[in-house]
Protein backbone atom coordinates (compact mmCIF):
# COMPACT_ATOMS: atom_id res chain seq x y z
CA MET A 1 0.36 0.09 0.06
CA ASN A 2 1.43 3.21 -0.76
CA LEU A 3 0.82 5.67 1.54
CA ASN A 4 -0.72 8.29 -1.20
CA GLU A 5 -3.81 5.74 -0.84
CA LEU A 6 -4.52 7.67 2.16
CA ARG A 7 -4.14 11.05 0.93
CA ASP A 8 -6.69 13.55 -0.34
CA PRO A 9 -6.63 14.82 -4.42
CA GLU A 10 -4.11 17.54 -2.83
CA GLY A 11 -1.89 15.27 -1.39
CA LYS A 12 -2.58 16.09 2.11
CA PRO A 13 -4.05 13.74 4.88
CA SER A 14 -7.73 15.00 5.96
CA ALA A 15 -10.16 13.96 8.41
CA SER A 16 -13.07 14.21 5.62
CA TYR A 17 -10.82 11.76 3.27
CA GLY A 18 -11.31 9.56 6.14
CA ALA A 19 -14.96 9.26 5.20
CA SER A 20 -13.82 7.63 1.84
CA LYS A 21 -10.56 5.54 3.23
CA ARG A 22 -11.70 4.36 6.53
CA VAL A 23 -8.81 2.45 8.01
CA LEU A 24 -8.84 -0.57 10.51
CA ILE A 25 -6.02 -1.77 12.46
CA LEU A 26 -6.69 -5.49 12.68
CA GLY A 27 -4.82 -7.12 15.79
CA PHE A 28 -3.10 -4.64 18.52
CA GLY A 29 -0.04 -6.40 19.28
CA ARG A 30 3.37 -5.46 18.77
CA GLU A 31 2.77 -4.68 15.04
CA GLY A 32 -0.54 -3.23 15.73
CA LYS A 33 0.69 -0.75 17.99
CA ASP A 34 3.53 0.34 15.77
CA THR A 35 1.04 0.72 12.97
CA PHE A 36 -0.96 2.75 14.98
CA ARG A 37 1.92 5.18 15.91
CA PHE A 38 3.25 5.45 12.43
CA LEU A 39 -0.39 6.34 10.98
CA ARG A 40 -0.94 8.96 13.77
CA LYS A 41 2.48 10.44 13.06
CA VAL A 42 1.83 10.94 9.35
CA PHE A 43 -1.86 11.15 9.26
CA PRO A 44 -2.61 13.09 12.83
CA LYS A 45 -6.18 13.81 11.88
CA LYS A 46 -7.25 10.59 10.38
CA VAL A 47 -10.01 8.70 11.89
CA LEU A 48 -8.61 5.19 12.61
CA GLY A 49 -10.20 1.86 13.81
CA ILE A 50 -8.60 -0.67 16.16
CA ALA A 51 -10.02 -4.18 16.61
CA ASP A 52 -8.67 -7.01 18.46
CA ARG A 53 -10.32 -10.37 19.97
CA LEU A 54 -8.89 -8.97 23.64
CA GLU A 55 -10.80 -6.47 25.64
CA MET A 56 -9.04 -3.39 26.69
CA LYS A 57 -7.67 -4.33 30.23
CA ASP A 58 -5.92 -7.22 28.59
CA LEU A 59 -4.46 -5.16 25.90
CA ARG A 60 -3.51 -2.28 28.67
CA LEU A 61 -4.67 0.47 26.36
CA LYS A 62 -4.45 4.04 27.41
CA ILE A 63 -5.61 5.63 24.33
CA LYS A 64 -7.33 9.02 24.92
CA ASP A 65 -7.33 9.63 20.87
CA LYS A 66 -10.96 10.85 20.18
CA ARG A 67 -10.12 9.77 16.44
CA VAL A 68 -9.92 6.33 17.58
CA ARG A 69 -12.94 3.57 16.90
CA LEU A 70 -12.32 0.77 19.40
CA HIS A 71 -13.94 -2.93 18.30
CA LEU A 72 -12.66 -5.17 21.27
CA GLY A 73 -13.70 -8.57 22.40
CA LYS A 74 -15.15 -11.72 20.78
CA ASP A 75 -17.27 -9.89 18.29
CA TYR A 76 -14.43 -7.64 16.88
CA LEU A 77 -14.49 -9.20 13.61
CA LYS A 78 -17.97 -7.87 12.87
CA ALA A 79 -16.23 -4.37 12.62
CA LEU A 80 -14.45 -5.05 9.53
CA LYS A 81 -17.59 -4.45 7.04
CA ASN A 82 -17.22 -0.67 7.96
CA TYR A 83 -13.73 -0.17 6.71
CA ASP A 84 -12.23 0.15 3.33
CA LEU A 85 -8.51 -0.65 4.26
CA ILE A 86 -7.72 -3.24 6.80
CA ILE A 87 -4.22 -3.40 7.97
CA LYS A 88 -4.12 -7.02 9.56
CA SER A 89 -1.45 -8.07 11.80
CA PRO A 90 0.15 -11.14 10.45
CA GLY A 91 -0.79 -13.88 13.30
CA ILE A 92 -4.59 -13.43 12.15
CA PRO A 93 -5.17 -16.12 9.60
CA PRO A 94 -6.85 -14.77 6.36
CA LYS A 95 -9.52 -18.02 6.31
CA VAL A 96 -10.37 -16.49 9.75
CA ILE A 97 -11.71 -12.82 8.71
CA LYS A 98 -12.86 -13.75 4.86
CA PRO A 99 -16.40 -14.23 6.20
CA PHE A 100 -16.74 -10.88 7.74
CA LEU A 101 -15.29 -9.16 4.60
CA LYS A 102 -17.25 -7.68 1.61
CA LYS A 103 -16.51 -6.62 -1.68
CA ASN A 104 -13.76 -3.56 -2.59
CA GLN A 105 -12.17 -3.64 0.70
CA ARG A 106 -8.42 -3.64 0.57
CA ILE A 107 -6.09 -6.09 2.86
CA THR A 108 -2.89 -4.90 3.58
CA SER A 109 0.26 -5.45 6.01
CA GLN A 110 2.94 -3.63 7.86
CA ALA A 111 5.27 -5.69 5.73
CA GLU A 112 3.49 -4.40 2.23
CA ILE A 113 3.39 -0.92 3.51
CA PHE A 114 7.00 -0.83 4.44
CA PHE A 115 7.97 -2.84 1.02
CA GLU A 116 5.93 -0.20 -1.04
CA ASN A 117 7.41 2.99 0.81
CA CYS A 118 10.72 2.16 1.56
CA PRO A 119 13.60 4.22 -0.05
CA GLY A 120 16.51 1.95 0.98
CA GLU A 121 17.61 -1.61 0.09
CA ILE A 122 16.04 -4.57 1.94
CA VAL A 123 17.74 -7.85 2.77
CA GLY A 124 14.76 -10.17 3.56
CA ILE A 125 15.22 -13.68 4.92
CA THR A 126 13.10 -16.44 5.61
CA GLY A 127 12.87 -20.12 6.68
CA THR A 128 11.13 -22.23 8.84
CA LYS A 129 14.09 -22.50 10.79
CA GLY A 130 17.44 -20.27 11.23
CA LYS A 131 15.77 -17.24 10.03
CA SER A 132 16.52 -15.05 13.23
CA THR A 133 19.81 -16.13 13.81
CA THR A 134 20.85 -15.48 9.94
CA THR A 135 18.81 -11.95 10.05
CA THR A 136 20.65 -11.03 13.29
CA LEU A 137 24.41 -12.39 11.86
CA ILE A 138 23.71 -10.60 8.23
CA TYR A 139 22.85 -7.21 10.41
CA LYS A 140 26.25 -8.23 12.57
CA ILE A 141 28.33 -8.29 9.38
CA LEU A 142 26.94 -5.25 7.73
CA LYS A 143 27.37 -3.37 10.60
CA ALA A 144 31.07 -4.09 10.70
CA CYS A 145 31.62 -2.50 7.43
CA PRO A 146 32.02 1.25 9.06
CA GLU A 147 34.11 2.31 5.83
CA ARG A 148 30.73 2.01 3.88
CA ASN A 149 28.58 5.18 4.30
CA ARG A 150 25.24 3.01 4.95
CA ARG A 151 23.05 3.06 8.31
CA VAL A 152 21.97 -0.74 8.80
CA HIS A 153 18.59 -1.53 10.43
CA LEU A 154 17.41 -5.08 12.45
CA VAL A 155 13.49 -5.03 11.86
CA GLY A 156 10.91 -7.69 11.55
CA ASN A 157 10.41 -10.47 14.26
CA ILE A 158 13.58 -10.26 15.37
CA GLY A 159 14.43 -6.52 15.76
CA LYS A 160 12.32 -3.08 15.86
CA PRO A 161 8.71 -3.16 14.02
CA VAL A 162 9.07 -1.84 10.20
CA LEU A 163 7.05 1.00 10.20
CA SER A 164 8.73 2.94 13.02
CA SER A 165 11.92 2.52 11.14
CA LEU A 166 10.30 3.82 7.82
CA LEU A 167 9.52 7.58 9.43
CA LYS A 168 13.50 8.46 9.30
CA ALA A 169 14.72 5.75 6.16
CA LYS A 170 16.68 7.24 3.68
CA GLN A 171 17.96 5.91 0.13
CA ASN A 172 21.37 4.84 1.56
CA ASP A 173 19.84 2.61 4.19
CA VAL A 174 19.91 -1.07 4.46
CA PHE A 175 16.96 -3.11 5.95
CA VAL A 176 17.72 -6.52 7.37
CA TYR A 177 14.41 -7.92 7.40
CA GLU A 178 13.06 -11.22 9.33
CA LEU A 179 10.20 -12.60 7.64
CA SER A 180 8.24 -14.96 8.58
CA SER A 181 5.54 -16.71 6.11
CA HIS A 182 2.79 -15.04 7.59
CA GLN A 183 4.34 -11.72 6.63
CA LEU A 184 5.25 -12.66 3.00
CA MET A 185 1.70 -14.22 2.52
CA ASN A 186 0.27 -11.46 0.75
CA LEU A 187 3.42 -9.64 -0.54
CA LYS A 188 3.63 -8.44 -4.20
CA ILE A 189 7.35 -6.87 -3.60
CA SER A 190 10.21 -9.25 -3.09
CA PRO A 191 13.32 -7.81 -1.23
CA HIS A 192 16.65 -6.78 -3.38
CA ILE A 193 18.38 -9.74 -1.40
CA ALA A 194 16.53 -12.52 -0.50
CA VAL A 195 17.72 -15.45 1.75
CA LEU A 196 15.56 -18.94 1.73
CA LEU A 197 17.23 -21.34 4.55
CA ASN A 198 14.50 -24.42 4.34
CA ILE A 199 10.68 -25.38 4.27
CA TYR A 200 9.47 -27.77 6.70
CA PRO A 201 5.82 -28.40 7.37
CA GLU A 202 4.60 -25.75 10.00
CA HIS A 203 1.85 -23.88 11.16
CA GLY A 204 -0.90 -26.45 9.89
CA ASP A 205 -3.31 -24.53 12.16
CA PHE A 206 -2.86 -21.48 10.18
CA TYR A 207 -2.82 -22.48 6.49
CA ARG A 208 -5.47 -24.23 4.43
CA ASN A 209 -3.01 -26.66 3.26
CA PHE A 210 1.28 -27.19 3.07
CA ASN A 211 1.09 -26.06 -0.29
CA GLU A 212 -0.16 -22.80 0.79
CA TYR A 213 2.46 -22.29 3.50
CA VAL A 214 5.32 -22.94 0.85
CA LYS A 215 3.45 -20.26 -1.89
CA ALA A 216 3.67 -17.88 0.98
CA LYS A 217 7.26 -18.60 1.65
CA ALA A 218 8.07 -18.27 -2.01
CA ASN A 219 7.15 -14.86 -2.28
CA ILE A 220 10.21 -13.57 -0.84
CA THR A 221 11.83 -14.25 -4.43
CA LYS A 222 8.35 -14.66 -6.37
CA TYR A 223 8.97 -10.91 -7.35
CA GLN A 224 12.43 -10.44 -7.72
CA THR A 225 14.03 -9.32 -11.14
CA GLU A 226 17.20 -10.33 -12.56
CA LYS A 227 18.98 -7.11 -10.73
CA ASP A 228 17.96 -8.82 -7.43
CA PHE A 229 19.69 -11.99 -5.58
CA LEU A 230 18.50 -15.12 -4.53
CA ILE A 231 20.89 -16.75 -1.81
CA TYR A 232 19.41 -20.58 -0.98
CA ASN A 233 19.64 -23.52 0.22
CA ALA A 234 20.28 -26.00 -2.96
CA ASN A 235 19.97 -29.22 -0.41
CA ASP A 236 16.31 -28.54 0.27
CA ARG A 237 13.96 -30.00 -2.40
CA LEU A 238 11.47 -27.41 -1.74
CA VAL A 239 13.81 -24.56 -1.80
CA ARG A 240 15.06 -25.74 -4.98
CA LYS A 241 11.85 -25.84 -6.60
CA VAL A 242 11.08 -22.50 -5.62
CA ALA A 243 14.56 -21.05 -6.68
CA LYS A 244 13.99 -23.03 -10.03
CA LYS A 245 11.15 -20.17 -10.68
CA SER A 246 13.20 -17.28 -9.57
CA LYS A 247 14.09 -14.77 -12.25
CA ALA A 248 17.03 -13.38 -9.57
CA LYS A 249 20.80 -13.81 -9.66
CA LYS A 250 21.00 -17.48 -7.72
CA ILE A 251 23.50 -17.97 -5.21
CA PRO A 252 23.45 -21.55 -3.65
CA ILE A 253 24.44 -21.31 0.00
CA PRO A 254 28.00 -22.54 -0.29
CA THR A 255 28.86 -26.14 1.37
CA ASN A 256 32.55 -25.94 1.64
CA TYR A 257 32.70 -25.27 5.10
CA GLU A 258 36.37 -24.75 5.06
CA PHE A 259 34.69 -21.13 4.06
CA ILE A 260 34.74 -18.90 1.18
CA THR A 261 37.31 -16.74 0.13
CA ASN A 262 39.77 -17.75 2.62
CA ILE A 263 38.37 -17.08 5.62
CA ARG A 264 39.43 -19.42 8.36
CA ILE A 265 36.90 -19.66 11.31
CA LYS A 266 35.92 -23.11 11.73
CA ASN A 267 35.80 -24.09 15.16
CA LYS A 268 36.12 -20.51 16.40
CA ILE A 269 32.51 -19.72 16.39
CA SER A 270 29.51 -19.96 19.02
CA LEU A 271 27.00 -21.38 17.07
CA ILE A 272 27.20 -25.47 16.89
CA GLY A 273 25.60 -27.86 14.34
CA LYS A 274 25.82 -28.08 10.60
CA PHE A 275 22.49 -26.54 10.15
CA ASN A 276 24.42 -23.17 11.87
CA LEU A 277 27.17 -23.51 9.28
CA LYS A 278 24.35 -22.96 6.42
CA ASN A 279 23.01 -20.13 8.46
CA ILE A 280 26.91 -18.70 8.42
CA MET A 281 27.31 -19.22 5.12
CA ALA A 282 24.36 -17.44 3.95
CA SER A 283 25.15 -14.42 6.04
CA ILE A 284 28.93 -14.25 4.54
CA ALA A 285 27.05 -14.59 1.03
CA VAL A 286 25.09 -11.28 2.07
CA GLY A 287 28.24 -9.65 3.04
CA LYS A 288 30.28 -10.36 0.16
CA ILE A 289 27.31 -8.66 -2.12
CA PHE A 290 27.57 -5.62 -0.14
CA GLY A 291 31.29 -5.33 -0.37
CA VAL A 292 32.34 -6.24 3.10
CA SER A 293 35.96 -7.42 3.79
CA ASP A 294 37.21 -10.96 4.65
CA LYS A 295 38.72 -9.33 7.93
CA ASN A 296 34.94 -7.42 8.96
CA ILE A 297 33.20 -10.74 8.21
CA LYS A 298 35.44 -13.13 9.97
CA ARG A 299 35.39 -10.56 12.79
CA ALA A 300 31.84 -10.08 13.37
CA ILE A 301 31.20 -14.13 13.01
CA LYS A 302 34.03 -14.34 15.93
CA LYS A 303 31.77 -12.16 18.01
CA PHE A 304 28.45 -13.37 17.27
CA LYS A 305 26.52 -15.29 20.23
CA SER A 306 23.93 -17.71 19.64
CA LEU A 307 20.21 -16.82 20.41
CA SER A 308 18.28 -17.40 23.27
CA HIS A 309 15.96 -20.28 22.98
CA ARG A 310 18.30 -21.65 20.20
CA LEU A 311 20.42 -24.62 21.54
CA GLU A 312 21.32 -22.32 24.04
CA PHE A 313 23.84 -23.64 26.58
CA ILE A 314 22.39 -22.98 30.08
CA GLY A 315 25.16 -24.53 32.25
CA GLU A 316 26.28 -27.24 33.98
CA PHE A 317 24.24 -28.18 37.43
CA LYS A 318 24.72 -31.29 39.66
CA GLY A 319 27.22 -32.44 36.92
CA ILE A 320 24.37 -32.23 34.06
CA LYS A 321 24.59 -29.90 30.86
CA PHE A 322 21.32 -28.26 30.12
CA TYR A 323 20.44 -27.18 26.81
CA ASN A 324 17.30 -24.71 25.66
CA ASP A 325 16.03 -25.32 22.39
CA SER A 326 12.67 -24.43 23.00
CA LEU A 327 12.17 -22.66 19.52
CA ALA A 328 12.50 -25.94 17.99
CA THR A 329 8.62 -26.11 16.89
CA VAL A 330 8.81 -28.74 14.25
CA PRO A 331 10.57 -32.52 14.04
CA GLU A 332 13.26 -31.05 11.87
CA ALA A 333 14.69 -28.59 14.22
CA THR A 334 14.75 -31.11 17.02
CA ILE A 335 16.27 -33.94 14.89
CA LYS A 336 19.12 -31.67 13.91
CA ALA A 337 19.92 -30.52 17.80
CA ILE A 338 20.29 -34.12 18.39
CA GLU A 339 22.58 -34.48 15.94
CA ALA A 340 24.22 -31.44 16.71
CA LEU A 341 24.87 -32.37 20.50
CA GLY A 342 25.85 -36.02 19.61
CA LYS A 343 25.88 -39.15 21.71
CA ASP A 344 25.71 -37.17 25.30
CA VAL A 345 22.08 -36.47 24.93
CA LYS A 346 20.84 -38.68 27.18
CA THR A 347 17.21 -36.92 28.16
CA ILE A 348 15.25 -34.96 25.69
CA VAL A 349 11.83 -32.80 26.83
CA LEU A 350 9.54 -32.90 23.74
CA GLY A 351 5.89 -32.39 23.00
CA GLY A 352 3.48 -29.49 22.98
CA PHE A 353 0.57 -27.71 20.82
CA GLU A 354 -0.91 -29.94 17.90
CA ARG A 355 -0.15 -28.97 14.53
CA GLY A 356 -0.59 -32.38 12.76
CA GLN A 357 3.06 -32.98 12.24
CA ASP A 358 4.69 -36.55 11.32
CA PHE A 359 7.07 -37.70 14.30
CA LYS A 360 8.21 -40.98 12.20
CA SER A 361 11.72 -39.19 11.26
CA LEU A 362 11.84 -37.74 14.71
CA ALA A 363 10.94 -41.40 16.70
CA LYS A 364 13.78 -43.22 14.18
CA LYS A 365 16.43 -40.38 15.23
CA ILE A 366 15.86 -40.73 18.89
CA LEU A 367 15.93 -44.69 18.77
CA GLU A 368 19.26 -44.36 16.64
CA SER A 369 20.70 -41.85 19.41
CA GLU A 370 21.85 -42.76 22.98
CA ILE A 371 18.75 -41.07 24.39
CA GLU A 372 17.89 -43.09 27.47
CA THR A 373 14.54 -40.51 28.76
CA VAL A 374 12.23 -38.98 26.96
CA ILE A 375 9.95 -36.36 28.94
CA LEU A 376 6.73 -35.81 27.14
CA PHE A 377 4.11 -32.70 27.26
CA PRO A 378 0.91 -33.10 26.11
CA THR A 379 -0.73 -32.92 23.46
CA THR A 380 1.96 -34.39 20.76
CA GLY A 381 3.95 -36.10 23.56
CA GLU A 382 1.37 -38.93 23.26
CA ARG A 383 1.98 -38.91 19.61
CA ILE A 384 5.58 -38.80 19.82
CA TRP A 385 5.56 -41.74 22.16
CA GLN A 386 2.99 -43.76 19.91
CA ALA A 387 5.58 -42.90 16.93
CA LEU A 388 8.85 -44.46 19.22
CA ARG A 389 6.78 -47.54 19.84
CA GLN A 390 5.73 -48.29 16.42
CA ALA A 391 9.01 -47.63 15.02
CA GLN A 392 11.76 -50.35 14.53
CA GLY A 393 14.72 -50.16 16.71
CA LYS A 394 16.56 -50.95 19.62
CA LYS A 395 15.16 -50.65 23.44
CA LEU A 396 12.54 -47.79 23.96
CA PRO A 397 13.38 -45.05 26.55
CA ARG A 398 12.30 -44.52 29.63
CA HIS A 399 9.24 -42.21 29.32
CA PHE A 400 7.55 -40.07 31.36
CA PHE A 401 4.02 -37.76 30.63
CA ILE A 402 4.14 -34.62 32.55
CA ASP A 403 2.03 -31.23 32.20
CA ASN A 404 4.36 -28.96 33.72
CA MET A 405 7.84 -27.41 33.61
CA LYS A 406 8.59 -27.92 37.15
CA GLU A 407 8.31 -31.71 36.99
CA ALA A 408 10.00 -32.25 33.51
CA VAL A 409 13.20 -30.51 34.94
CA LYS A 410 12.70 -32.64 38.26
CA LEU A 411 12.60 -35.88 36.03
CA ALA A 412 15.58 -34.65 34.17
CA TYR A 413 17.20 -34.41 37.17
CA GLN A 414 16.33 -37.94 38.61
CA ASN A 415 17.08 -39.42 35.32
CA THR A 416 20.25 -38.03 33.58
CA LYS A 417 23.82 -39.14 34.66
CA ARG A 418 26.26 -36.89 35.49
CA GLY A 419 28.55 -35.50 32.81
CA LYS A 420 25.53 -35.98 29.92
CA ILE A 421 23.24 -33.62 28.55
CA CYS A 422 19.41 -32.98 28.98
CA LEU A 423 17.79 -30.92 25.84
CA LEU A 424 14.68 -29.48 25.85
CA SER A 425 13.80 -29.38 22.12
CA PRO A 426 10.07 -30.02 21.86
CA ALA A 427 9.44 -30.50 18.21
CA SER A 428 6.09 -28.95 18.78
CA ALA A 429 4.67 -25.26 19.55
CA SER A 430 3.68 -24.02 22.92
CA PHE A 431 0.66 -22.73 22.66
CA ASN A 432 -1.41 -25.20 24.71
CA LEU A 433 0.46 -24.73 27.87
CA PHE A 434 2.53 -21.83 27.55
CA LYS A 435 2.06 -18.21 26.14
CA ASP A 436 5.04 -18.91 23.69
CA TYR A 437 8.16 -20.54 23.05
CA LYS A 438 9.99 -17.70 24.86
CA GLU A 439 8.22 -18.38 28.19
CA ARG A 440 8.60 -22.29 27.82
CA GLY A 441 12.47 -21.76 27.63
CA ASN A 442 12.53 -19.28 30.32
CA LEU A 443 10.73 -21.52 32.59
CA PHE A 444 12.81 -24.40 31.56
CA LYS A 445 16.07 -22.16 32.67
CA LYS A 446 14.38 -20.75 35.83
CA TRP A 447 13.49 -24.52 37.16
CA VAL A 448 16.93 -25.95 35.89
CA LYS A 449 18.75 -23.34 37.93
CA ILE A 450 16.54 -23.66 41.20
CA LEU A 451 16.40 -27.26 40.96
CA GLY A 452 19.81 -27.29 40.62
CA LYS A 453 20.93 -25.55 43.58
């Protein structure tokens, strides 16, 4: 959405024009609040609607703006029919709002507004897993090039909301943007540099089918031209399929881990696992496009620390090493975590919110590993145990069904040998028992430290 769509014929925002362009902010979380601040700054007199399923007390709203119309609570979607332009938060599935829409309404998003109005260059990063780490590392690499007169911004899920950044954006700015499938879903513009890491089944509760999820991811390169760049994981079948249709200059993520351009940093980095080497190599490729020197790339990578909830080493307590991998919300991520940590993983905490994923490969990996104890959260914990029982392999590990983190950690201490590893890597989303993956990981860390005294 170009901002001129909200202006009157003379190019000025006006209250009267709001009658013909009624604007609703749908979803008032982190992005929704940022959208409101942005629109109010750009269009101070415009009437704006805000709709959210939560009530005012839950949103902790303190809006005294007389030009705001609130639509809160369980019937919030009924307000959609009264607006011409709806700026939707990414977490609200299109299939949920579809029955409430009428003809000639425009649905847009923060991401679309940003892409259509950003004067600078955008580096977009997506993938089912690894995008936060890769986005942050690219940002650090580009920041490590002070000799180039560029301001570099970290935006999206891992950084600042994008519209706040748009207010002061210049042509020479670079925006390193982590993009989820939800943010990509309706985009009609792709970034100048796109990074596509992997595609695994996820968000089955959000999309009509897996193909719709793949199409959303593909938007990161769908609208690129020959002047743009696509850095992609050629080892991922679905990624290769997406890349084949791209018009951009294609750069496969290098797999010669002795590193490109004679950068020797192997075994000198904090990120563990082969999947993180792919993230590093993708980040290096972006740095080279921007002309960052080998010396500066190497320095940025050596200084980089792994992000919280991503194979995060909590510490050693009572002789047991604890790792927090709460962001492992798909089986493939848990498999890679087991491979990264190796045979010392003896206890693993699994399970969570049901999204209809297949756990056969995970069960096979667990049975091939040295894991002796599985601690299982509902609801998927039951299905993971069924997959383990149905898989052919060695003797089944001990198993425990639990419904709170304190009990999970208590069992981990009781069943893990000294010198070995307990890994939280659920292979499932968190929403049935926890607010999000962060709360799940933080509670794991909390009880590990409390019970480890």
